[in-house]
Every structure is written in C-alpha cells, then in structure tokens.
Amino acid sequence: MKAVLLAAGLGTRLRPVTDAVPKCLVEVAGRTLLDTWLDALAAAGVDEVLVNTHHLAEQVAAHVAGRTAGPLVHLAHEPVLLGSAGTLVRNREFLDGEDMFLVLNADNLTDFDLRVLVDAHRAGGDPEGAAGGAVATLTVFRTPRPSECGIVEVVDGRVVGFVEKPAVPRSDLANAGMYAFGPEVLEEVPEPLPRDVGFDLLPRLVGRARAVSIGDSWFLDIGTPQALERARAEWGARASA
C-alpha cells in the first residue's frame, strides 16, 4: 500500500520556528512530525510513501536519507507549490496500479490508528451499495470551532455535505486531514493547478464518500507556536505515561 504525506507547506503560521526548520521536521517529544507519521504509516502496512517538499527541501532530503527503517520514502520537490490536490495529480505515476492509497497532512499530530481508516475504507463498500470500496473515506472529529475547519455533514456514514471553513457551519464534524482514496479521485481534480483537497476535491466527492470518526484519539493541528507548545506538553506527557 502507498501513501502521500503532504509536507511542502511554508508553515507561515508557525513562524519564527519555520524560518529555519521545515514544518515536517519540527520536533515533538524528541521526534520529528515526519518520523512520527512514517512510523504510523509503517504500522498501518504502508510500504512506500511520497513526501512532497518545497520550503527548506534540502533539510527534508538529508533527514530522509538518514532513516534506516520504515517505509520506502520518495521525495517530490515542488519548485512552485501545486496545492494538496495538485500534488496527487502530478504524482499519478506513483499511485498507478493502487486500488487505494492514503493521503495525510504532515502538520497534524495524532495517535489515531491508521489501520482503522484502512479497514473502514476496504469494508465500507460504495455509498450506493456496490462492491469495491467507496471512492473516498474521510476521518472526522468533533470541533468546538467549526468555522475554522473543513466541516463535514454525515448521514448514516455517508458524506452528504462538505464546506471548507464555513461562515455558518451546519455541523461540528471537522475534517481531520487523513484520507483513504480510490484512484478515481484523481480524475476529479480540475485544472489548472494549484488545487486544494479541501476547497477543490472534497466538495466533488459529496455523496460518494464515507466518514470514519477518530473517536477519542488525541489530535492537534500543529499550525501555530501556541499549538506546538501544547503538543509538546500533552504529547510528551502521553509518551511518558
């Protein structure tokens, strides 16, 4: 199984930390976000991972070269950012032949077991009842600030609505940035690029995708210095418990 780990962002909200370190190499409890994700993907049965790079890409390349375990990592440098959905389209060859693949935002931190997502996608079937799996399976969580997230409306496990950061949210179920996709989603990304998964792809999958809750799993978007401070305090405490 293959996965795409989206790690090319500039990390502007996390400055000044990201002035000298790419966001995916920020450390929490002595581990980089990148290594934490690669370990989680290996545990979920992923053999190969494509990591896109842009900001301070040479640091990511050097870090990956020093890894001796886990899935095989392919780097895809983007001199001009393609957007999260654009990355998938431009790396279609990497995904060819896969009946499903995972896509994850590298700037999140969670102890959610990715095998739950994989199993849910494989067992869920098509939303209309056909065999072969849903076109996509999204992970969701309850948020106290729905206007700041991609909001998912779900009925009987089926995604019936999706809006990125709505002014008037119709749900408190937020997109957790972990997806299982079938190969057909690549045909849904409109040109020209850049294109974003939340703004440009997920709305096109409404009615054909399913959602799985991350339940009580710990989850945090490491998007600001305050969030990073919280992650280091809470994740570190969990790791030492």
C-alpha atoms as a PDB file:
ATOM      1  CA  MET A   1       0.000   0.000   0.000  1.00  0.00           C
ATOM      2  CA  LYS A   2       1.155   3.542  -0.763  1.00  0.00           C
ATOM      3  CA  ALA A   3       0.623   6.904   0.887  1.00  0.00           C
ATOM      4  CA  VAL A   4       1.196  10.576   0.138  1.00  0.00           C
ATOM      5  CA  LEU A   5       2.372  12.710   3.041  1.00  0.00           C
ATOM      6  CA  LEU A   6       1.719  16.374   2.344  1.00  0.00           C
ATOM      7  CA  ALA A   7       4.678  18.266   3.780  1.00  0.00           C
ATOM      8  CA  ALA A   8       5.527  21.068   1.346  1.00  0.00           C
ATOM      9  CA  GLY A   9       3.780  23.960   3.063  1.00  0.00           C
ATOM     10  CA  LEU A  10       5.624  27.107   4.095  1.00  0.00           C
ATOM     11  CA  GLY A  11       4.446  26.907   7.707  1.00  0.00           C
ATOM     12  CA  THR A  12       3.833  30.655   7.823  1.00  0.00           C
ATOM     13  CA  ARG A  13       1.580  30.461  10.876  1.00  0.00           C
ATOM     14  CA  LEU A  14       4.314  28.627  12.770  1.00  0.00           C
ATOM     15  CA  ARG A  15       6.961  31.307  12.293  1.00  0.00           C
ATOM     16  CA  PRO A  16       9.539  32.020  13.599  1.00  0.00           C
ATOM     17  CA  VAL A  17      10.033  28.273  14.201  1.00  0.00           C
ATOM     18  CA  THR A  18       9.734  27.511  10.489  1.00  0.00           C
ATOM     19  CA  ASP A  19      12.133  30.243   9.396  1.00  0.00           C
ATOM     20  CA  ALA A  20      14.968  27.763   9.917  1.00  0.00           C
ATOM     21  CA  VAL A  21      13.221  24.367  10.040  1.00  0.00           C
ATOM     22  CA  PRO A  22      10.595  22.952   7.658  1.00  0.00           C
ATOM     23  CA  LYS A  23       7.349  22.246   9.463  1.00  0.00           C
ATOM     24  CA  CYS A  24       7.551  18.476   8.998  1.00  0.00           C
ATOM     25  CA  LEU A  25      10.907  18.418  10.832  1.00  0.00           C
ATOM     26  CA  VAL A  26       9.627  20.259  13.900  1.00  0.00           C
ATOM     27  CA  GLU A  27      10.139  18.009  16.917  1.00  0.00           C
ATOM     28  CA  VAL A  28       7.574  16.960  19.496  1.00  0.00           C
ATOM     29  CA  ALA A  29       8.746  14.708  22.344  1.00  0.00           C
ATOM     30  CA  GLY A  30      12.087  14.176  20.634  1.00  0.00           C
ATOM     31  CA  ARG A  31      10.633  13.015  17.308  1.00  0.00           C
ATOM     32  CA  THR A  32      10.025  14.980  14.153  1.00  0.00           C
ATOM     33  CA  LEU A  33       6.469  15.115  12.836  1.00  0.00           C
ATOM     34  CA  LEU A  34       7.772  13.406   9.698  1.00  0.00           C
ATOM     35  CA  ASP A  35       9.228  10.453  11.610  1.00  0.00           C
ATOM     36  CA  THR A  36       6.098  10.106  13.734  1.00  0.00           C
ATOM     37  CA  TRP A  37       3.982   9.891  10.562  1.00  0.00           C
ATOM     38  CA  LEU A  38       6.329   7.481   8.798  1.00  0.00           C
ATOM     39  CA  ASP A  39       6.286   5.170  11.823  1.00  0.00           C
ATOM     40  CA  ALA A  40       2.471   5.305  11.922  1.00  0.00           C
ATOM     41  CA  LEU A  41       2.251   4.541   8.218  1.00  0.00           C
ATOM     42  CA  ALA A  42       4.599   1.584   8.580  1.00  0.00           C
ATOM     43  CA  ALA A  43       2.435   0.229  11.394  1.00  0.00           C
ATOM     44  CA  ALA A  44      -0.607   0.528   9.111  1.00  0.00           C
ATOM     45  CA  GLY A  45       1.007  -1.594   6.409  1.00  0.00           C
ATOM     46  CA  VAL A  46       2.214   1.153   4.085  1.00  0.00           C
ATOM     47  CA  ASP A  47       5.274   0.135   2.061  1.00  0.00           C
ATOM     48  CA  GLU A  48       6.001   3.316   0.106  1.00  0.00           C
ATOM     49  CA  VAL A  49       5.415   6.968   0.924  1.00  0.00           C
ATOM     50  CA  LEU A  50       5.702  10.007  -1.319  1.00  0.00           C
ATOM     51  CA  VAL A  51       6.613  13.183   0.569  1.00  0.00           C
ATOM     52  CA  ASN A  52       6.300  16.471  -1.300  1.00  0.00           C
ATOM     53  CA  THR A  53       8.811  19.216  -0.470  1.00  0.00           C
ATOM     54  CA  HIS A  54       9.255  22.924  -1.114  1.00  0.00           C
ATOM     55  CA  HIS A  55      10.371  25.068   1.825  1.00  0.00           C
ATOM     56  CA  LEU A  56      13.882  24.102   3.041  1.00  0.00           C
ATOM     57  CA  ALA A  57      13.618  20.943   0.953  1.00  0.00           C
ATOM     58  CA  GLU A  58      17.304  20.094   1.358  1.00  0.00           C
ATOM     59  CA  GLN A  59      16.782  19.548   5.082  1.00  0.00           C
ATOM     60  CA  VAL A  60      13.966  17.090   4.409  1.00  0.00           C
ATOM     61  CA  ALA A  61      16.100  15.225   1.871  1.00  0.00           C
ATOM     62  CA  ALA A  62      19.004  14.947   4.302  1.00  0.00           C
ATOM     63  CA  HIS A  63      16.721  13.753   7.081  1.00  0.00           C
ATOM     64  CA  VAL A  64      15.082  11.086   4.930  1.00  0.00           C
ATOM     65  CA  ALA A  65      18.495   9.882   3.735  1.00  0.00           C
ATOM     66  CA  GLY A  66      19.425   9.209   7.353  1.00  0.00           C
ATOM     67  CA  ARG A  67      16.453   6.931   8.036  1.00  0.00           C
ATOM     68  CA  THR A  68      17.237   3.229   8.187  1.00  0.00           C
ATOM     69  CA  ALA A  69      13.789   1.759   8.864  1.00  0.00           C
ATOM     70  CA  GLY A  70      10.173   2.134   7.912  1.00  0.00           C
ATOM     71  CA  PRO A  71       8.566   2.553   4.506  1.00  0.00           C
ATOM     72  CA  LEU A  72      10.500   3.481   1.379  1.00  0.00           C
ATOM     73  CA  VAL A  73      10.310   7.271   1.003  1.00  0.00           C
ATOM     74  CA  HIS A  74      10.142   9.063  -2.350  1.00  0.00           C
ATOM     75  CA  LEU A  75      10.626  12.828  -2.414  1.00  0.00           C
ATOM     76  CA  ALA A  76       8.733  15.003  -4.899  1.00  0.00           C
ATOM     77  CA  HIS A  77      10.130  18.529  -4.941  1.00  0.00           C
ATOM     78  CA  GLU A  78       7.754  21.313  -5.943  1.00  0.00           C
ATOM     79  CA  PRO A  79       9.611  24.456  -7.065  1.00  0.00           C
ATOM     80  CA  VAL A  80       6.159  26.021  -7.309  1.00  0.00           C
ATOM     81  CA  LEU A  81       3.555  24.713  -4.873  1.00  0.00           C
ATOM     82  CA  LEU A  82       0.916  22.573  -6.596  1.00  0.00           C
ATOM     83  CA  GLY A  83      -1.655  22.562  -3.801  1.00  0.00           C
ATOM     84  CA  SER A  84      -2.531  19.411  -1.861  1.00  0.00           C
ATOM     85  CA  ALA A  85      -4.758  18.022  -4.626  1.00  0.00           C
ATOM     86  CA  GLY A  86      -2.357  19.142  -7.335  1.00  0.00           C
ATOM     87  CA  THR A  87       0.375  17.063  -5.711  1.00  0.00           C
ATOM     88  CA  LEU A  88      -1.744  13.939  -6.182  1.00  0.00           C
ATOM     89  CA  VAL A  89      -2.376  14.656  -9.863  1.00  0.00           C
ATOM     90  CA  ARG A  90       1.240  15.462 -10.672  1.00  0.00           C
ATOM     91  CA  ASN A  91       2.397  12.234  -8.976  1.00  0.00           C
ATOM     92  CA  ARG A  92      -0.153   9.998 -10.670  1.00  0.00           C
ATOM     93  CA  GLU A  93       2.570   7.579 -11.795  1.00  0.00           C
ATOM     94  CA  PHE A  94       3.483   6.869  -8.174  1.00  0.00           C
ATOM     95  CA  LEU A  95      -0.137   5.889  -7.485  1.00  0.00           C
ATOM     96  CA  ASP A  96      -0.755   3.879 -10.674  1.00  0.00           C
ATOM     97  CA  GLY A  97      -1.991   0.358 -10.006  1.00  0.00           C
ATOM     98  CA  GLU A  98      -3.152   1.047  -6.437  1.00  0.00           C
ATOM     99  CA  ASP A  99      -6.744   0.138  -5.567  1.00  0.00           C
ATOM    100  CA  MET A 100      -6.496   2.636  -2.691  1.00  0.00           C
ATOM    101  CA  PHE A 101      -3.942   4.972  -1.170  1.00  0.00           C
ATOM    102  CA  LEU A 102      -3.669   7.169   1.913  1.00  0.00           C
ATOM    103  CA  VAL A 103      -3.205  10.942   1.919  1.00  0.00           C
ATOM    104  CA  LEU A 104      -2.245  12.760   5.111  1.00  0.00           C
ATOM    105  CA  ASN A 105      -1.412  16.273   6.259  1.00  0.00           C
ATOM    106  CA  ALA A 106       2.039  16.123   7.822  1.00  0.00           C
ATOM    107  CA  ASP A 107       1.429  19.140  10.052  1.00  0.00           C
ATOM    108  CA  ASN A 108      -1.103  17.290  12.192  1.00  0.00           C
ATOM    109  CA  LEU A 109      -0.213  15.129  15.176  1.00  0.00           C
ATOM    110  CA  THR A 110      -2.411  12.262  16.336  1.00  0.00           C
ATOM    111  CA  ASP A 111      -2.332   8.831  17.932  1.00  0.00           C
ATOM    112  CA  PHE A 112      -5.225   7.674  15.726  1.00  0.00           C
ATOM    113  CA  ASP A 113      -4.562   4.168  14.403  1.00  0.00           C
ATOM    114  CA  LEU A 114      -4.440   4.470  10.613  1.00  0.00           C
ATOM    115  CA  ARG A 115      -5.435   0.808  10.311  1.00  0.00           C
ATOM    116  CA  VAL A 116      -8.939   1.904  11.358  1.00  0.00           C
ATOM    117  CA  LEU A 117      -9.090   4.169   8.310  1.00  0.00           C
ATOM    118  CA  VAL A 118      -7.730   1.478   6.006  1.00  0.00           C
ATOM    119  CA  ASP A 119     -10.160  -1.148   7.307  1.00  0.00           C
ATOM    120  CA  ALA A 120     -13.111   1.259   7.150  1.00  0.00           C
ATOM    121  CA  HIS A 121     -12.374   2.110   3.531  1.00  0.00           C
ATOM    122  CA  ARG A 122     -11.956  -1.502   2.477  1.00  0.00           C
ATOM    123  CA  ALA A 123     -15.013  -2.731   4.355  1.00  0.00           C
ATOM    124  CA  GLY A 124     -17.336   0.196   3.766  1.00  0.00           C
ATOM    125  CA  GLY A 125     -18.335  -0.551   0.217  1.00  0.00           C
ATOM    126  CA  ASP A 126     -19.672   2.033  -2.181  1.00  0.00           C
ATOM    127  CA  PRO A 127     -22.206   4.508  -0.687  1.00  0.00           C
ATOM    128  CA  GLU A 128     -24.774   3.138  -3.137  1.00  0.00           C
ATOM    129  CA  GLY A 129     -24.103  -0.410  -2.008  1.00  0.00           C
ATOM    130  CA  ALA A 130     -21.824  -1.573  -4.814  1.00  0.00           C
ATOM    131  CA  ALA A 131     -18.761  -3.639  -4.056  1.00  0.00           C
ATOM    132  CA  GLY A 132     -15.204  -2.407  -4.398  1.00  0.00           C
ATOM    133  CA  GLY A 133     -14.978   0.290  -1.746  1.00  0.00           C
ATOM    134  CA  ALA A 134     -16.103   3.907  -1.504  1.00  0.00           C
ATOM    135  CA  VAL A 135     -14.404   6.470  -3.707  1.00  0.00           C
ATOM    136  CA  ALA A 136     -13.042   8.089  -0.523  1.00  0.00           C
ATOM    137  CA  THR A 137     -13.099   7.731   3.249  1.00  0.00           C
ATOM    138  CA  LEU A 138     -12.537  10.829   5.373  1.00  0.00           C
ATOM    139  CA  THR A 139     -11.566  10.993   9.037  1.00  0.00           C
ATOM    140  CA  VAL A 140     -13.571  13.378  11.214  1.00  0.00           C
ATOM    141  CA  PHE A 141     -13.610  14.711  14.771  1.00  0.00           C
ATOM    142  CA  ARG A 142     -15.828  16.995  16.860  1.00  0.00           C
ATOM    143  CA  THR A 143     -14.537  20.562  16.994  1.00  0.00           C
ATOM    144  CA  PRO A 144     -15.521  23.467  19.254  1.00  0.00           C
ATOM    145  CA  ARG A 145     -14.534  25.922  16.453  1.00  0.00           C
ATOM    146  CA  PRO A 146     -16.249  24.700  13.279  1.00  0.00           C
ATOM    147  CA  SER A 147     -15.803  27.961  11.373  1.00  0.00           C
ATOM    148  CA  GLU A 148     -12.038  27.361  11.435  1.00  0.00           C
ATOM    149  CA  CYS A 149     -12.175  23.870   9.891  1.00  0.00           C
ATOM    150  CA  GLY A 150     -13.374  21.946   6.901  1.00  0.00           C
ATOM    151  CA  ILE A 151     -16.841  20.866   8.036  1.00  0.00           C
ATOM    152  CA  VAL A 152     -18.344  17.519   7.047  1.00  0.00           C
ATOM    153  CA  GLU A 153     -22.040  16.644   7.114  1.00  0.00           C
ATOM    154  CA  VAL A 154     -22.601  12.920   7.589  1.00  0.00           C
ATOM    155  CA  VAL A 155     -25.759  10.814   7.422  1.00  0.00           C
ATOM    156  CA  ASP A 156     -25.506   7.068   8.143  1.00  0.00           C
ATOM    157  CA  GLY A 157     -21.779   7.169   7.478  1.00  0.00           C
ATOM    158  CA  ARG A 158     -22.147   8.882   4.109  1.00  0.00           C
ATOM    159  CA  VAL A 159     -20.716  12.340   3.455  1.00  0.00           C
ATOM    160  CA  VAL A 160     -23.661  14.484   2.338  1.00  0.00           C
ATOM    161  CA  GLY A 161     -22.002  17.878   2.625  1.00  0.00           C
ATOM    162  CA  PHE A 162     -18.586  19.460   2.852  1.00  0.00           C
ATOM    163  CA  VAL A 163     -17.585  23.118   3.186  1.00  0.00           C
ATOM    164  CA  GLU A 164     -14.102  24.454   3.932  1.00  0.00           C
ATOM    165  CA  LYS A 165     -14.173  26.941   6.861  1.00  0.00           C
ATOM    166  CA  PRO A 166     -17.832  27.942   6.540  1.00  0.00           C
ATOM    167  CA  ALA A 167     -19.068  31.243   7.935  1.00  0.00           C
ATOM    168  CA  VAL A 168     -22.235  29.483   9.121  1.00  0.00           C
ATOM    169  CA  PRO A 169     -21.316  25.846   9.947  1.00  0.00           C
ATOM    170  CA  ARG A 170     -24.022  23.206   9.591  1.00  0.00           C
ATOM    171  CA  SER A 171     -22.132  20.621  11.637  1.00  0.00           C
ATOM    172  CA  ASP A 172     -19.367  20.356  14.214  1.00  0.00           C
ATOM    173  CA  LEU A 173     -17.724  17.409  12.458  1.00  0.00           C
ATOM    174  CA  ALA A 174     -14.338  18.574  11.213  1.00  0.00           C
ATOM    175  CA  ASN A 175     -12.048  17.095   8.597  1.00  0.00           C
ATOM    176  CA  ALA A 176      -9.003  15.532  10.283  1.00  0.00           C
ATOM    177  CA  GLY A 177      -6.820  15.585   7.161  1.00  0.00           C
ATOM    178  CA  MET A 178      -6.380  11.812   6.862  1.00  0.00           C
ATOM    179  CA  TYR A 179      -7.930  10.213   3.779  1.00  0.00           C
ATOM    180  CA  ALA A 180      -8.224   6.873   2.027  1.00  0.00           C
ATOM    181  CA  PHE A 181      -8.797   7.483  -1.677  1.00  0.00           C
ATOM    182  CA  GLY A 182      -9.621   5.276  -4.603  1.00  0.00           C
ATOM    183  CA  PRO A 183      -7.700   6.016  -7.835  1.00  0.00           C
ATOM    184  CA  GLU A 184     -10.773   7.562  -9.455  1.00  0.00           C
ATOM    185  CA  VAL A 185     -10.466  10.683  -7.301  1.00  0.00           C
ATOM    186  CA  LEU A 186      -7.519  11.768  -9.450  1.00  0.00           C
ATOM    187  CA  GLU A 187      -9.969  12.405 -12.282  1.00  0.00           C
ATOM    188  CA  GLU A 188     -11.902  14.840 -10.085  1.00  0.00           C
ATOM    189  CA  VAL A 189      -9.133  17.414  -9.630  1.00  0.00           C
ATOM    190  CA  PRO A 190      -9.773  20.312 -12.010  1.00  0.00           C
ATOM    191  CA  GLU A 191      -7.062  22.114 -13.950  1.00  0.00           C
ATOM    192  CA  PRO A 192      -5.316  24.470 -13.795  1.00  0.00           C
ATOM    193  CA  LEU A 193      -3.222  23.908 -10.699  1.00  0.00           C
ATOM    194  CA  PRO A 194      -2.694  24.645  -7.872  1.00  0.00           C
ATOM    195  CA  ARG A 195      -5.720  22.855  -6.399  1.00  0.00           C
ATOM    196  CA  ASP A 196      -6.538  22.042  -2.793  1.00  0.00           C
ATOM    197  CA  VAL A 197      -8.043  18.850  -1.351  1.00  0.00           C
ATOM    198  CA  GLY A 198     -10.408  20.748   0.946  1.00  0.00           C
ATOM    199  CA  PHE A 199     -11.534  23.523  -1.357  1.00  0.00           C
ATOM    200  CA  ASP A 200     -11.413  21.792  -4.747  1.00  0.00           C
ATOM    201  CA  LEU A 201     -11.612  17.992  -4.354  1.00  0.00           C
ATOM    202  CA  LEU A 202     -13.733  17.021  -1.358  1.00  0.00           C
ATOM    203  CA  PRO A 203     -16.820  19.013  -2.426  1.00  0.00           C
ATOM    204  CA  ARG A 204     -16.828  16.960  -5.648  1.00  0.00           C
ATOM    205  CA  LEU A 205     -16.921  13.706  -3.660  1.00  0.00           C
ATOM    206  CA  VAL A 206     -20.050  14.517  -1.648  1.00  0.00           C
ATOM    207  CA  GLY A 207     -22.467  11.582  -1.865  1.00  0.00           C
ATOM    208  CA  ARG A 208     -19.710   9.202  -2.931  1.00  0.00           C
ATOM    209  CA  ALA A 209     -17.522   9.281   0.165  1.00  0.00           C
ATOM    210  CA  ARG A 210     -17.792   7.932   3.676  1.00  0.00           C
ATOM    211  CA  ALA A 211     -16.571   9.241   7.013  1.00  0.00           C
ATOM    212  CA  VAL A 212     -14.955   7.487   9.955  1.00  0.00           C
ATOM    213  CA  SER A 213     -14.574   9.139  13.354  1.00  0.00           C
ATOM    214  CA  ILE A 214     -11.209   9.292  15.082  1.00  0.00           C
ATOM    215  CA  GLY A 215     -13.142   8.779  18.327  1.00  0.00           C
ATOM    216  CA  ASP A 216     -11.194   9.583  21.472  1.00  0.00           C
ATOM    217  CA  SER A 217      -7.836   9.722  19.688  1.00  0.00           C
ATOM    218  CA  TRP A 218      -5.595  12.665  20.523  1.00  0.00           C
ATOM    219  CA  PHE A 219      -5.408  15.090  17.593  1.00  0.00           C
ATOM    220  CA  LEU A 220      -3.928  18.540  17.030  1.00  0.00           C
ATOM    221  CA  ASP A 221      -3.088  20.747  14.070  1.00  0.00           C
ATOM    222  CA  ILE A 222       0.462  21.964  14.738  1.00  0.00           C
ATOM    223  CA  GLY A 223      -0.179  25.238  12.963  1.00  0.00           C
ATOM    224  CA  THR A 224       0.916  27.905  15.443  1.00  0.00           C
ATOM    225  CA  PRO A 225       3.599  28.328  18.127  1.00  0.00           C
ATOM    226  CA  GLN A 226       0.847  28.012  20.744  1.00  0.00           C
ATOM    227  CA  ALA A 227      -0.310  24.703  19.266  1.00  0.00           C
ATOM    228  CA  LEU A 228       3.274  23.455  19.169  1.00  0.00           C
ATOM    229  CA  GLU A 229       3.735  24.354  22.829  1.00  0.00           C
ATOM    230  CA  ARG A 230       0.543  22.493  23.717  1.00  0.00           C
ATOM    231  CA  ALA A 231       1.611  19.471  21.667  1.00  0.00           C
ATOM    232  CA  ARG A 232       4.983  19.290  23.376  1.00  0.00           C
ATOM    233  CA  ALA A 233       3.341  19.410  26.787  1.00  0.00           C
ATOM    234  CA  GLU A 234       0.482  16.992  26.146  1.00  0.00           C
ATOM    235  CA  TRP A 235       2.119  14.569  23.705  1.00  0.00           C
ATOM    236  CA  GLY A 236       5.206  14.362  25.857  1.00  0.00           C
ATOM    237  CA  ALA A 237       3.087  13.567  28.908  1.00  0.00           C
ATOM    238  CA  ARG A 238       1.276  10.832  26.987  1.00  0.00           C
ATOM    239  CA  ALA A 239       4.544   9.348  25.754  1.00  0.00           C
ATOM    240  CA  SER A 240       5.972   9.184  29.291  1.00  0.00           C
ATOM    241  CA  ALA A 241       2.778   7.881  30.905  1.00  0.00           C
END
